[in-house]
Amino acid sequence: MNPIVQNQKEMFKSNIYVKFIPTGITQQEVEEKFGEAGAILSVKLKDYETNYNGEKFTSYQIGYVLYEDVKCAQKCI
């Protein structure tokens, strides 16, 4: 396996996917709450959009929380 690909896979083992985050929650609030489990490298939020009859609706957010190590990420699962 390519060393770069292997390094990427190792790094993102501590990345967790979070679904159904209410739309009013900020990135800072997510970071504070999930930070209770350990050191966070990054938090990314994205609106989950659905399409009904040509109109887009955002019902919740999805997020990715990247922890410094896998042990911290496992505390959240």
N, C-alpha and C. Protein backbone atom coordinates (compact mmCIF):
# COMPACT_ATOMS: atom_id res chain seq x y z
N MET A 1 0.85 -1.18 0.00
CA MET A 1 0.00 0.00 0.00
C MET A 1 0.90 1.24 0.00
N ASN A 2 0.46 2.24 -0.69
CA ASN A 2 1.14 3.52 -0.76
C ASN A 2 1.26 4.12 0.65
N PRO A 3 2.47 4.57 1.06
CA PRO A 3 2.64 5.11 2.41
C PRO A 3 1.73 6.31 2.71
N ILE A 4 1.44 7.12 1.70
CA ILE A 4 0.56 8.28 1.91
C ILE A 4 -0.86 7.81 2.21
N VAL A 5 -1.34 6.85 1.46
CA VAL A 5 -2.69 6.30 1.67
C VAL A 5 -2.77 5.65 3.05
N GLN A 6 -1.75 4.91 3.42
CA GLN A 6 -1.73 4.25 4.72
C GLN A 6 -1.76 5.29 5.85
N ASN A 7 -0.99 6.36 5.69
CA ASN A 7 -0.97 7.43 6.69
C ASN A 7 -2.34 8.08 6.82
N GLN A 8 -3.02 8.32 5.70
CA GLN A 8 -4.36 8.92 5.71
C GLN A 8 -5.35 8.01 6.45
N LYS A 9 -5.28 6.71 6.18
CA LYS A 9 -6.19 5.78 6.84
C LYS A 9 -5.95 5.76 8.34
N GLU A 10 -4.70 5.78 8.75
CA GLU A 10 -4.37 5.80 10.18
C GLU A 10 -4.87 7.08 10.83
N MET A 11 -4.68 8.20 10.18
CA MET A 11 -5.07 9.48 10.75
C MET A 11 -6.58 9.57 10.94
N PHE A 12 -7.34 9.09 9.98
CA PHE A 12 -8.79 9.25 10.04
C PHE A 12 -9.51 8.13 10.77
N LYS A 13 -8.79 7.23 11.41
CA LYS A 13 -9.43 6.23 12.27
C LYS A 13 -10.07 6.91 13.47
N SER A 14 -9.58 8.09 13.82
CA SER A 14 -10.11 8.80 14.98
C SER A 14 -11.18 9.82 14.57
N ASN A 15 -11.71 9.69 13.37
CA ASN A 15 -12.75 10.58 12.87
C ASN A 15 -14.11 9.93 13.07
N ILE A 16 -15.05 10.64 13.70
CA ILE A 16 -16.39 10.07 13.86
C ILE A 16 -17.41 10.89 13.09
N TYR A 17 -18.44 10.21 12.65
CA TYR A 17 -19.54 10.81 11.88
C TYR A 17 -20.72 10.96 12.83
N VAL A 18 -21.29 12.17 12.89
CA VAL A 18 -22.42 12.45 13.77
C VAL A 18 -23.60 12.90 12.92
N LYS A 19 -24.74 12.26 13.11
CA LYS A 19 -25.93 12.58 12.33
C LYS A 19 -27.01 13.15 13.26
N PHE A 20 -27.94 13.86 12.70
CA PHE A 20 -29.10 14.42 13.42
C PHE A 20 -28.71 15.50 14.43
N ILE A 21 -27.79 16.36 14.06
CA ILE A 21 -27.45 17.51 14.90
C ILE A 21 -28.47 18.60 14.58
N PRO A 22 -29.18 19.13 15.58
CA PRO A 22 -30.18 20.17 15.30
C PRO A 22 -29.55 21.36 14.57
N THR A 23 -30.33 21.99 13.71
CA THR A 23 -29.81 23.07 12.87
C THR A 23 -29.35 24.28 13.67
N GLY A 24 -29.84 24.48 14.87
CA GLY A 24 -29.44 25.64 15.67
C GLY A 24 -28.12 25.47 16.41
N ILE A 25 -27.56 24.28 16.39
CA ILE A 25 -26.31 24.00 17.10
C ILE A 25 -25.12 24.51 16.28
N THR A 26 -24.19 25.19 16.95
CA THR A 26 -23.03 25.74 16.26
C THR A 26 -21.84 24.78 16.33
N GLN A 27 -20.86 25.06 15.50
CA GLN A 27 -19.64 24.26 15.48
C GLN A 27 -18.95 24.32 16.85
N GLN A 28 -18.95 25.48 17.46
CA GLN A 28 -18.33 25.65 18.77
C GLN A 28 -19.03 24.80 19.83
N GLU A 29 -20.36 24.73 19.79
CA GLU A 29 -21.10 23.92 20.74
C GLU A 29 -20.79 22.44 20.58
N VAL A 30 -20.68 21.99 19.33
CA VAL A 30 -20.33 20.59 19.07
C VAL A 30 -18.93 20.30 19.61
N GLU A 31 -18.01 21.22 19.34
CA GLU A 31 -16.64 21.05 19.81
C GLU A 31 -16.56 20.99 21.34
N GLU A 32 -17.32 21.84 22.01
CA GLU A 32 -17.33 21.84 23.48
C GLU A 32 -17.87 20.53 24.02
N LYS A 33 -18.98 20.06 23.47
CA LYS A 33 -19.60 18.83 23.97
C LYS A 33 -18.73 17.60 23.70
N PHE A 34 -18.28 17.45 22.45
CA PHE A 34 -17.48 16.29 22.11
C PHE A 34 -16.06 16.38 22.67
N GLY A 35 -15.63 17.60 22.99
CA GLY A 35 -14.32 17.80 23.60
C GLY A 35 -14.21 17.19 24.99
N GLU A 36 -15.35 16.88 25.59
CA GLU A 36 -15.35 16.22 26.90
C GLU A 36 -14.70 14.84 26.82
N ALA A 37 -14.69 14.24 25.64
CA ALA A 37 -14.11 12.91 25.46
C ALA A 37 -12.61 12.96 25.19
N GLY A 38 -12.09 14.12 24.80
CA GLY A 38 -10.66 14.23 24.53
C GLY A 38 -10.35 15.36 23.57
N ALA A 39 -9.07 15.45 23.23
CA ALA A 39 -8.59 16.53 22.36
C ALA A 39 -9.09 16.37 20.93
N ILE A 40 -9.64 17.46 20.37
CA ILE A 40 -10.20 17.46 19.02
C ILE A 40 -9.27 18.23 18.10
N LEU A 41 -9.04 17.67 16.90
CA LEU A 41 -8.24 18.36 15.89
C LEU A 41 -9.12 19.26 15.02
N SER A 42 -10.33 18.77 14.66
CA SER A 42 -11.22 19.59 13.85
C SER A 42 -12.66 19.11 13.96
N VAL A 43 -13.58 20.04 13.69
CA VAL A 43 -15.02 19.76 13.64
C VAL A 43 -15.55 20.39 12.36
N LYS A 44 -16.31 19.61 11.60
CA LYS A 44 -16.92 20.13 10.38
C LYS A 44 -18.41 19.80 10.42
N LEU A 45 -19.23 20.81 10.17
CA LEU A 45 -20.67 20.64 10.12
C LEU A 45 -21.17 20.95 8.72
N LYS A 46 -22.22 20.24 8.33
CA LYS A 46 -22.82 20.46 7.02
C LYS A 46 -24.32 20.25 7.14
N ASP A 47 -25.09 21.13 6.51
CA ASP A 47 -26.54 20.96 6.50
C ASP A 47 -26.91 19.73 5.69
N TYR A 48 -27.83 18.94 6.22
CA TYR A 48 -28.35 17.79 5.48
C TYR A 48 -29.60 18.27 4.76
N GLU A 49 -29.51 18.35 3.44
CA GLU A 49 -30.63 18.88 2.66
C GLU A 49 -31.42 17.76 2.00
N THR A 50 -32.72 17.93 2.03
CA THR A 50 -33.60 17.02 1.30
C THR A 50 -34.35 17.84 0.26
N ASN A 51 -34.75 17.21 -0.79
CA ASN A 51 -35.39 17.89 -1.91
C ASN A 51 -36.82 17.37 -2.06
N TYR A 52 -37.80 18.25 -1.89
CA TYR A 52 -39.21 17.91 -2.07
C TYR A 52 -39.81 18.83 -3.12
N ASN A 53 -40.29 18.26 -4.18
CA ASN A 53 -40.93 19.02 -5.26
C ASN A 53 -40.07 20.19 -5.74
N GLY A 54 -38.80 19.97 -5.86
CA GLY A 54 -37.90 20.99 -6.36
C GLY A 54 -37.43 22.01 -5.34
N GLU A 55 -37.89 21.89 -4.09
CA GLU A 55 -37.45 22.81 -3.04
C GLU A 55 -36.54 22.07 -2.07
N LYS A 56 -35.49 22.77 -1.64
CA LYS A 56 -34.55 22.17 -0.70
C LYS A 56 -34.92 22.56 0.73
N PHE A 57 -34.88 21.57 1.61
CA PHE A 57 -35.16 21.77 3.02
C PHE A 57 -34.00 21.22 3.84
N THR A 58 -33.65 21.94 4.90
CA THR A 58 -32.62 21.48 5.82
C THR A 58 -33.31 21.07 7.11
N SER A 59 -33.25 19.78 7.42
CA SER A 59 -33.93 19.30 8.62
C SER A 59 -32.97 19.08 9.78
N TYR A 60 -31.70 18.89 9.49
CA TYR A 60 -30.69 18.72 10.52
C TYR A 60 -29.31 18.87 9.90
N GLN A 61 -28.28 18.76 10.74
CA GLN A 61 -26.91 18.85 10.27
C GLN A 61 -26.22 17.50 10.47
N ILE A 62 -25.19 17.27 9.69
CA ILE A 62 -24.29 16.15 9.93
C ILE A 62 -22.93 16.74 10.27
N GLY A 63 -22.14 15.97 10.98
CA GLY A 63 -20.84 16.50 11.37
C GLY A 63 -19.77 15.44 11.39
N TYR A 64 -18.55 15.90 11.31
CA TYR A 64 -17.37 15.04 11.42
C TYR A 64 -16.51 15.63 12.52
N VAL A 65 -16.17 14.80 13.50
CA VAL A 65 -15.33 15.22 14.61
C VAL A 65 -14.05 14.39 14.53
N LEU A 66 -12.93 15.07 14.33
CA LEU A 66 -11.64 14.40 14.22
C LEU A 66 -10.89 14.57 15.54
N TYR A 67 -10.72 13.45 16.24
CA TYR A 67 -10.01 13.46 17.51
C TYR A 67 -8.51 13.27 17.29
N GLU A 68 -7.76 13.64 18.31
CA GLU A 68 -6.31 13.50 18.26
C GLU A 68 -5.91 12.03 18.22
N ASP A 69 -6.66 11.16 18.91
CA ASP A 69 -6.34 9.74 18.87
C ASP A 69 -7.62 8.90 18.92
N VAL A 70 -7.46 7.64 18.61
CA VAL A 70 -8.59 6.72 18.49
C VAL A 70 -9.28 6.49 19.84
N LYS A 71 -8.53 6.46 20.92
CA LYS A 71 -9.12 6.21 22.23
C LYS A 71 -10.17 7.26 22.59
N CYS A 72 -9.91 8.51 22.24
CA CYS A 72 -10.88 9.58 22.50
C CYS A 72 -12.14 9.37 21.66
N ALA A 73 -11.95 9.00 20.41
CA ALA A 73 -13.09 8.78 19.50
C ALA A 73 -13.94 7.61 19.99
N GLN A 74 -13.32 6.59 20.54
CA GLN A 74 -14.06 5.42 21.01
C GLN A 74 -14.94 5.74 22.21
N LYS A 75 -14.59 6.77 22.97
CA LYS A 75 -15.40 7.18 24.11
C LYS A 75 -16.77 7.69 23.67
N CYS A 76 -16.86 8.17 22.44
CA CYS A 76 -18.12 8.75 21.94
C CYS A 76 -19.01 7.73 21.26
N ILE A 77 -18.48 6.59 20.96
CA ILE A 77 -19.27 5.60 20.20
C ILE A 77 -20.11 4.76 21.12
